[in-house]
Amino acid sequence: MGFFSLAERDSATIMQRMHTGARTLLLLLVSLLLPSTLLATTPRPREYWEEIIRRDHAVPQGTTALALARELTGFLGHADPLWRDEFGFSITAAWVQKGLLGPEDLRALMPLWLEGLERAGQEQALTRSFAALNLSLVAALEANRPFLTQEEFARLLSAALHELRTETDLRGWVPGIGWVHATAHSADLLRQLARSPRLAPADQEAILAGLADLLRRAYPVFNYGEPERLARIVVRLSQREDFALAAWQATAQRLASLPEGFSGVHPEPAPYAAKRNAQAFLAAAHLQLLASKSRNCDAAAAAISAHFRP
């Protein structure tokens, strides 16, 4: 009996060591196969990112701008504007300006930002807004040095137009949260896309139609510079040799013809806001077009003054 007890104990010990060794080997394989970003469970402290800013956005040793930009993408929907604006967007933008994030880096990041732009639900409004702002960095570099394929460009334009047409959170500045500003950030993205040599006349028409649809439904009245940001899209389009002037003329007339938004002497909130927003947009576009001295600025401004007196 004692002999068998000893054997059983030895067998149990051997089996336990085998299981422990198997678990160790499995964990080692997982650590080698999975990206380090998936294994990281503890975010870097605030001081880490503040030090990057303090050092004029120098990339710390032992990592790359691309690797850190992937981490910063996780801050785009953060409720704290320090993490969202100063870290998530501003550090990334600085690296693009410095050339530390180049075309291939932005191509690698674009699917992450597109995924953020396409997230549904009110709780994802900040993510959508700041994903659009990050994607404007891609569109700006693409306009200066085209690097996207036609399919990639079309995907980016389609996502930007979908956000413009469907976004329901049109808040600007919110106490305690800071800038939401989805409308302004969509405008920044489309303004850069409007500069691209890949943009076709039909794409211009789609952008103008999206602008008109937004302004017809926008509620409440914009108070945080949104009409001015939207107007810059038209200015960019007017600077193109292939400017879709007829489409712009139809858009300007459509917006100028919106009803006043009154029922008797009382304003109807939604139609009243749409009229005020459209008027603010047309006035801003008229002023910016006259100041731009672009090749089509006079004709584009005349399309406004034919139906609306700024």
Protein backbone atom coordinates (compact mmCIF):
# COMPACT_ATOMS: atom_id res chain seq x y z
CA MET A 1 0.00 0.00 0.00
CA GLY A 2 2.82 2.38 0.84
CA PHE A 3 4.50 1.62 -2.47
CA PHE A 4 1.42 2.57 -4.47
CA SER A 5 0.91 5.75 -2.44
CA LEU A 6 4.45 6.87 -3.24
CA ALA A 7 4.00 6.09 -6.92
CA GLU A 8 0.76 7.95 -7.01
CA ARG A 9 2.40 10.98 -5.40
CA ASP A 10 5.26 10.89 -7.88
CA SER A 11 2.82 10.57 -10.76
CA ALA A 12 0.77 13.51 -9.52
CA THR A 13 3.89 15.62 -9.16
CA ILE A 14 5.01 14.76 -12.69
CA MET A 15 1.57 15.58 -14.13
CA GLN A 16 1.43 18.86 -12.25
CA ARG A 17 4.83 19.86 -13.62
CA MET A 18 3.76 18.88 -17.12
CA HIS A 19 0.62 21.04 -16.88
CA THR A 20 2.61 23.95 -15.47
CA GLY A 21 5.13 23.66 -18.29
CA ALA A 22 2.38 23.49 -20.89
CA ARG A 23 0.73 26.61 -19.49
CA THR A 24 4.05 28.45 -19.49
CA LEU A 25 4.72 27.44 -23.09
CA LEU A 26 1.22 28.54 -24.12
CA LEU A 27 1.64 31.93 -22.50
CA LEU A 28 4.99 32.37 -24.19
CA LEU A 29 3.50 31.56 -27.59
CA VAL A 30 0.64 33.98 -27.02
CA SER A 31 3.04 36.77 -26.04
CA LEU A 32 5.02 36.19 -29.22
CA LEU A 33 2.04 36.00 -31.55
CA LEU A 34 -0.21 38.76 -30.25
CA PRO A 35 0.59 42.44 -30.88
CA SER A 36 1.89 44.23 -27.83
CA THR A 37 -1.01 46.69 -28.01
CA LEU A 38 -3.46 43.86 -27.37
CA LEU A 39 -1.51 42.63 -24.37
CA ALA A 40 -1.20 46.06 -22.77
CA THR A 41 -3.88 46.45 -20.13
CA THR A 42 -2.58 49.51 -18.33
CA PRO A 43 -2.68 52.81 -20.26
CA ARG A 44 0.33 55.05 -20.16
CA PRO A 45 0.06 57.76 -17.51
CA ARG A 46 -0.86 61.31 -18.36
CA GLU A 47 2.71 62.42 -17.62
CA TYR A 48 4.00 60.26 -20.48
CA TRP A 49 2.01 62.20 -23.07
CA GLU A 50 2.66 65.55 -21.40
CA GLU A 51 6.39 64.85 -21.63
CA ILE A 52 6.05 64.26 -25.37
CA ILE A 53 4.39 67.66 -25.74
CA ARG A 54 7.00 69.30 -23.50
CA ARG A 55 9.77 67.87 -25.67
CA ASP A 56 8.27 69.39 -28.82
CA HIS A 57 6.55 66.12 -29.74
CA ALA A 58 9.76 64.10 -29.93
CA VAL A 59 9.03 60.37 -30.13
CA PRO A 60 10.38 58.55 -27.04
CA GLN A 61 13.12 56.01 -27.55
CA GLY A 62 12.11 52.40 -27.93
CA THR A 63 8.88 53.06 -29.83
CA THR A 64 7.57 54.69 -33.03
CA ALA A 65 5.14 57.44 -33.89
CA LEU A 66 2.92 54.86 -35.60
CA ALA A 67 2.77 52.60 -32.55
CA LEU A 68 1.92 55.52 -30.28
CA ALA A 69 -0.61 56.93 -32.76
CA ARG A 70 -2.48 53.64 -32.52
CA GLU A 71 -2.64 54.12 -28.76
CA LEU A 72 -3.73 57.74 -29.16
CA THR A 73 -6.60 56.58 -31.36
CA GLY A 74 -8.14 55.07 -28.24
CA PHE A 75 -8.49 58.57 -26.77
CA LEU A 76 -10.65 60.03 -29.55
CA GLY A 77 -13.87 59.40 -27.65
CA HIS A 78 -12.47 60.24 -24.20
CA ALA A 79 -14.77 62.39 -22.05
CA ASP A 80 -11.78 64.43 -20.80
CA PRO A 81 -10.73 67.04 -23.39
CA LEU A 82 -7.13 66.79 -22.24
CA TRP A 83 -6.93 63.18 -23.41
CA ARG A 84 -9.14 63.72 -26.45
CA ASP A 85 -7.94 67.07 -27.82
CA GLU A 86 -4.44 67.60 -26.48
CA PHE A 87 -3.29 63.99 -26.62
CA GLY A 88 -5.51 62.06 -29.04
CA PHE A 89 -5.60 64.66 -31.81
CA SER A 90 -2.93 67.29 -31.21
CA ILE A 91 0.01 64.92 -30.75
CA THR A 92 -1.01 62.97 -33.84
CA ALA A 93 -1.39 66.18 -35.87
CA ALA A 94 2.03 67.40 -34.75
CA TRP A 95 3.65 64.15 -35.90
CA VAL A 96 1.98 64.47 -39.30
CA GLN A 97 3.20 68.07 -39.64
CA LYS A 98 6.74 67.03 -38.67
CA GLY A 99 6.73 64.14 -41.12
CA LEU A 100 7.02 61.58 -38.34
CA LEU A 101 3.80 60.02 -39.60
CA GLY A 102 4.07 59.62 -43.35
CA PRO A 103 1.78 58.35 -46.09
CA GLU A 104 2.17 54.65 -45.27
CA ASP A 105 1.64 55.33 -41.57
CA LEU A 106 -1.57 57.21 -42.32
CA ARG A 107 -2.69 54.43 -44.62
CA ALA A 108 -2.24 52.03 -41.70
CA LEU A 109 -4.14 54.32 -39.33
CA MET A 110 -6.98 55.20 -41.68
CA PRO A 111 -8.99 51.98 -41.11
CA LEU A 112 -8.91 52.62 -37.34
CA TRP A 113 -10.17 56.17 -37.80
CA LEU A 114 -12.81 55.11 -40.33
CA GLU A 115 -14.07 52.56 -37.83
CA GLY A 116 -14.39 55.36 -35.28
CA LEU A 117 -16.20 57.59 -37.77
CA GLU A 118 -18.76 54.87 -38.46
CA ARG A 119 -19.62 54.00 -34.87
CA ALA A 120 -23.33 54.36 -34.20
CA GLY A 121 -25.13 55.74 -31.18
CA GLN A 122 -25.29 58.95 -29.20
CA GLU A 123 -22.60 57.71 -26.82
CA GLN A 124 -20.13 57.52 -29.73
CA ALA A 125 -20.56 61.15 -30.83
CA LEU A 126 -17.14 62.25 -29.58
CA THR A 127 -15.43 59.31 -31.27
CA ARG A 128 -17.10 60.10 -34.59
CA SER A 129 -16.28 63.78 -34.33
CA PHE A 130 -12.60 63.38 -33.52
CA ALA A 131 -12.16 60.50 -35.95
CA ALA A 132 -13.31 62.94 -38.65
CA LEU A 133 -10.74 65.45 -37.43
CA ASN A 134 -7.97 62.84 -37.57
CA LEU A 135 -9.08 61.77 -41.03
CA SER A 136 -8.73 65.39 -42.16
CA LEU A 137 -4.98 64.87 -41.60
CA VAL A 138 -5.09 62.01 -44.11
CA ALA A 139 -7.08 64.09 -46.59
CA ALA A 140 -4.73 67.07 -46.26
CA LEU A 141 -1.64 65.00 -46.98
CA GLU A 142 -3.46 63.23 -49.80
CA ALA A 143 -4.29 66.60 -51.39
CA ASN A 144 -0.66 67.71 -51.23
CA ARG A 145 0.99 64.39 -52.11
CA PRO A 146 -1.56 61.86 -53.39
CA PHE A 147 -0.85 58.43 -51.93
CA LEU A 148 -4.24 56.77 -51.57
CA THR A 149 -5.62 54.46 -54.20
CA GLN A 150 -8.78 55.56 -55.96
CA GLU A 151 -10.68 52.95 -53.95
CA GLU A 152 -9.25 54.24 -50.65
CA PHE A 153 -10.12 57.81 -51.58
CA ALA A 154 -13.66 56.84 -52.54
CA ARG A 155 -14.04 54.99 -49.23
CA LEU A 156 -12.90 58.04 -47.29
CA LEU A 157 -15.18 60.41 -49.22
CA SER A 158 -18.17 58.10 -48.80
CA ALA A 159 -17.63 57.86 -45.04
CA ALA A 160 -17.25 61.64 -44.73
CA LEU A 161 -20.48 62.27 -46.66
CA HIS A 162 -22.34 59.68 -44.60
CA GLU A 163 -21.26 61.41 -41.40
CA LEU A 164 -22.32 64.81 -42.76
CA ARG A 165 -25.75 63.51 -43.71
CA THR A 166 -26.51 61.38 -40.66
CA GLU A 167 -24.86 62.95 -37.62
CA THR A 168 -27.50 63.92 -35.05
CA ASP A 169 -25.27 65.34 -32.31
CA LEU A 170 -24.74 68.88 -33.57
CA ARG A 171 -23.53 70.37 -30.28
CA GLY A 172 -20.56 72.72 -30.29
CA TRP A 173 -19.02 73.46 -26.89
CA VAL A 174 -20.39 71.51 -23.91
CA PRO A 175 -19.42 72.49 -20.34
CA GLY A 176 -17.45 69.72 -18.67
CA ILE A 177 -16.83 67.92 -21.96
CA GLY A 178 -15.39 70.63 -24.18
CA TRP A 179 -15.69 70.56 -27.94
CA VAL A 180 -18.01 68.04 -29.54
CA HIS A 181 -18.19 69.98 -32.81
CA ALA A 182 -19.01 67.11 -35.16
CA THR A 183 -20.30 69.52 -37.82
CA ALA A 184 -17.12 71.60 -37.82
CA HIS A 185 -14.89 68.54 -37.90
CA SER A 186 -16.84 67.01 -40.79
CA ALA A 187 -16.43 70.34 -42.57
CA ASP A 188 -12.67 70.24 -42.00
CA LEU A 189 -12.50 66.75 -43.49
CA LEU A 190 -14.58 67.63 -46.54
CA ARG A 191 -12.65 70.87 -47.08
CA GLN A 192 -9.45 68.85 -47.44
CA LEU A 193 -11.12 66.27 -49.67
CA ALA A 194 -12.36 69.14 -51.86
CA ARG A 195 -8.72 69.92 -52.69
CA SER A 196 -7.95 66.46 -54.04
CA PRO A 197 -7.19 65.96 -57.73
CA ARG A 198 -9.12 62.69 -57.42
CA LEU A 199 -12.40 64.53 -56.77
CA ALA A 200 -14.77 64.21 -59.73
CA PRO A 201 -17.53 66.69 -60.66
CA ALA A 202 -20.10 64.15 -59.45
CA ASP A 203 -18.30 64.11 -56.08
CA GLN A 204 -18.58 67.89 -55.88
CA GLU A 205 -22.31 67.61 -56.47
CA ALA A 206 -22.56 65.01 -53.71
CA ILE A 207 -20.71 67.30 -51.28
CA LEU A 208 -22.96 70.26 -52.10
CA ALA A 209 -26.08 68.10 -51.77
CA GLY A 210 -24.81 66.88 -48.38
CA LEU A 211 -24.27 70.47 -47.24
CA ALA A 212 -27.79 71.43 -48.25
CA ASP A 213 -29.30 68.42 -46.52
CA LEU A 214 -27.41 69.18 -43.32
CA LEU A 215 -28.46 72.82 -43.24
CA ARG A 216 -32.10 71.95 -43.92
CA ARG A 217 -32.24 69.68 -40.86
CA ALA A 218 -29.73 71.32 -38.50
CA TYR A 219 -31.22 72.20 -35.13
CA PRO A 220 -30.72 74.28 -33.06
CA VAL A 221 -29.12 77.42 -34.49
CA PHE A 222 -25.35 77.01 -34.81
CA ASN A 223 -23.40 79.16 -32.36
CA TYR A 224 -19.83 77.91 -32.56
CA GLY A 225 -18.51 78.85 -35.98
CA GLU A 226 -20.04 75.95 -37.88
CA PRO A 227 -21.40 78.04 -40.81
CA GLU A 228 -17.95 79.56 -41.37
CA ARG A 229 -16.27 76.13 -41.34
CA LEU A 230 -18.87 74.74 -43.77
CA ALA A 231 -18.43 77.74 -46.05
CA ARG A 232 -14.73 76.92 -46.48
CA ILE A 233 -15.76 73.79 -48.37
CA VAL A 234 -17.40 75.92 -51.04
CA VAL A 235 -14.36 78.18 -51.25
CA ARG A 236 -12.13 75.14 -51.80
CA LEU A 237 -14.43 73.80 -54.48
CA SER A 238 -14.50 77.18 -56.24
CA GLN A 239 -10.71 77.09 -56.55
CA ARG A 240 -10.88 74.04 -58.79
CA GLU A 241 -10.65 74.28 -62.57
CA ASP A 242 -13.55 71.83 -62.81
CA PHE A 243 -15.72 73.64 -60.24
CA ALA A 244 -19.32 72.43 -60.48
CA LEU A 245 -20.76 75.94 -60.72
CA ALA A 246 -24.22 74.86 -61.86
CA ALA A 247 -24.55 72.53 -58.88
CA TRP A 248 -23.48 75.33 -56.54
CA GLN A 249 -25.96 77.76 -58.10
CA ALA A 250 -28.76 75.25 -57.52
CA THR A 251 -27.60 74.66 -53.94
CA ALA A 252 -27.44 78.38 -53.13
CA GLN A 253 -30.93 78.92 -54.55
CA ARG A 254 -32.29 75.96 -52.62
CA LEU A 255 -30.90 77.22 -49.32
CA ALA A 256 -31.96 80.82 -49.90
CA SER A 257 -35.50 79.62 -50.60
CA LEU A 258 -36.04 77.81 -47.30
CA PRO A 259 -39.20 78.98 -45.51
CA GLU A 260 -38.83 81.64 -42.83
CA GLY A 261 -39.94 79.20 -40.14
CA PHE A 262 -42.86 81.11 -38.65
CA SER A 263 -46.39 80.02 -37.91
CA GLY A 264 -48.13 83.34 -37.76
CA VAL A 265 -46.01 85.45 -35.44
CA HIS A 266 -44.51 82.47 -33.63
CA PRO A 267 -41.32 80.74 -34.80
CA GLU A 268 -41.40 77.01 -35.46
CA PRO A 269 -38.17 75.83 -33.81
CA ALA A 270 -36.80 73.42 -36.43
CA PRO A 271 -37.68 75.38 -39.63
CA TYR A 272 -36.63 78.63 -37.97
CA ALA A 273 -33.22 77.16 -37.04
CA ALA A 274 -32.76 75.77 -40.57
CA LYS A 275 -33.42 79.18 -42.10
CA ARG A 276 -31.03 80.96 -39.72
CA ASN A 277 -28.31 78.36 -40.27
CA ALA A 278 -28.69 78.52 -44.05
CA GLN A 279 -28.52 82.32 -44.00
CA ALA A 280 -25.41 82.27 -41.80
CA PHE A 281 -23.79 79.76 -44.15
CA LEU A 282 -24.59 81.78 -47.28
CA ALA A 283 -23.36 85.00 -45.69
CA ALA A 284 -20.10 83.35 -44.61
CA ALA A 285 -19.59 81.76 -48.02
CA HIS A 286 -20.23 85.07 -49.79
CA LEU A 287 -17.69 86.90 -47.65
CA GLN A 288 -15.05 84.18 -47.95
CA LEU A 289 -15.51 83.84 -51.70
CA LEU A 290 -15.02 87.56 -52.28
CA ALA A 291 -11.92 87.51 -50.09
CA SER A 292 -10.41 84.40 -51.70
CA LYS A 293 -9.82 85.87 -55.17
CA SER A 294 -10.11 82.36 -56.58
CA ARG A 295 -10.67 81.67 -60.27
CA ASN A 296 -14.42 81.14 -59.80
CA CYS A 297 -15.00 83.34 -56.77
CA ASP A 298 -17.03 86.04 -58.52
CA ALA A 299 -19.37 83.55 -60.19
CA ALA A 300 -19.74 81.57 -56.98
CA ALA A 301 -20.48 84.72 -54.95
CA ALA A 302 -22.96 85.89 -57.60
CA ALA A 303 -24.82 82.59 -57.17
CA ILE A 304 -25.49 83.66 -53.60
CA SER A 305 -26.33 87.33 -54.17
CA ALA A 306 -28.79 86.36 -56.91
CA HIS A 307 -31.09 84.91 -54.24
CA PHE A 308 -29.86 86.24 -50.91
CA ARG A 309 -28.61 89.58 -49.66
CA PRO A 310 -25.83 88.94 -47.13
